[in-house]
């Protein structure tokens, strides 16, 4: 009996062994580690996001990462570092990615619902592709209590500012230009987070601000960031006088010392003189030119011929203007009345009426036009138009419209406004051309030889004297 049990175990062992071995030899999976440091950071300073991806054996291509963009924050990718490790006797190879996240406002920030794709050699040369979910991480941004009054809040490990003033000439005068440039340099934050400088407008000077220049520089070895912002504006000096470009004060939070520091840029005084090249009437002296009665009299006395001629011209205009305007108006009315009675106007009205699709209105507009259409004379009827045009398509369209209007049963004819207008326009053009050609033929002389060459009977031509 014991030998029988041993035989049964030996028979079942081969079928159970593959499953057990498969469970022990489960294929290793990629490993993903995510962290963020520090968990609490000053607004404008970076929180470092580390993403480490490792795969068994080796990766066949770089992992596909999301951009890790966060609302109200600036994300910048730093350097990548290759890593190697061995776990449970299995070799892993991977990459550690680092991202600098600069929050722009105080509050909580979270990175979630992100995925990345890894392709690796599971069993070389066979490859496998896996999508990994990035575990959520969060951090907090705050403004120190000692800097709560700063608007805007700017935090940096170092910040400096300077200004430059460029004048179009040493001795400024109206019409010259002055350009003021403010340059801010900082360490530890992007240029887009540096405070913009609003260069104020001043009465008497036209302000033309330029687009700000933002520059970021990253050290390739240390990932240290330095940034520069340049704001500039040009002032066009419109009037002479004394002006002052106001001083500029910049307050910022020093992250190294943990206190507020201030930068002061001095005001810029400007003395603008009168431009001798400008005409007297164009100078801005604060008082307009005032004409006195004596000045006007002197001007007229000096240019009395010009004044007399101008007076005569004005009198003639005042005398003839009403007559000319009445004559022009009367002529226009006559031309308008003639046009309203013309064949062109009637045909224009026919076209406009036919486009409306009303068969009855179109029919009477057609009769009205025929009354003014000379080639349809003397009857000026639709029958006369058919006889003169000799167009089968025109006859068909006119017949369809008449059947629709006058047939005993409704819908007996189906006329097309578009086809009717096309055939009537063609007939009008053809008949007018034929009428013009026949008039030109009748005006030709019946005898081609000049009348002076004919000799009247009973008269003898005198021979020319020699």
Foldseek 3Di string as FASTA:
>chain_A
DVVVVVVVCVVCVVVPVVVVVCVVCPQDAKDWDWDWPDQEEAAQFWIKIKIKIKGFPFFPDAKAFDQQDWPQKDKDWADKDKDWDADPNTIITIIMTMMIIHHHDWDKTKGAPTKMKTWHCRDPPDIDIDIDGDDMDMHTYDHDPQCPPDVVEAEAQDKDKDKDKDWPDPAAAAQTKIKIKMKMKGWRGFQVSDDDDDFDDDPQKDKAWDDKDKDWDADNPPRIIMIMIMTMIMIHGHAFDKDKRQKDKDWYANPVVGHIDMDIGHIDIHGYHHDPVDDPQRHPPVDHDDDDPVNVVVVCVVVVVVVVVVVVVVVVCVVCVVVVVVVVVVVVVVVVVVVCQALVVLLVVLLVVLVVVDLVVNVVSQQSSLVRQVQLPDVSDPVSLCVQQVDPQLVLQVVLSCCCVPPPDHPPHDHDSVSNNVSVVVSSVVSVVVVVVVVVVVPDDPDPDDPVVDDDPPDDDDDDDD
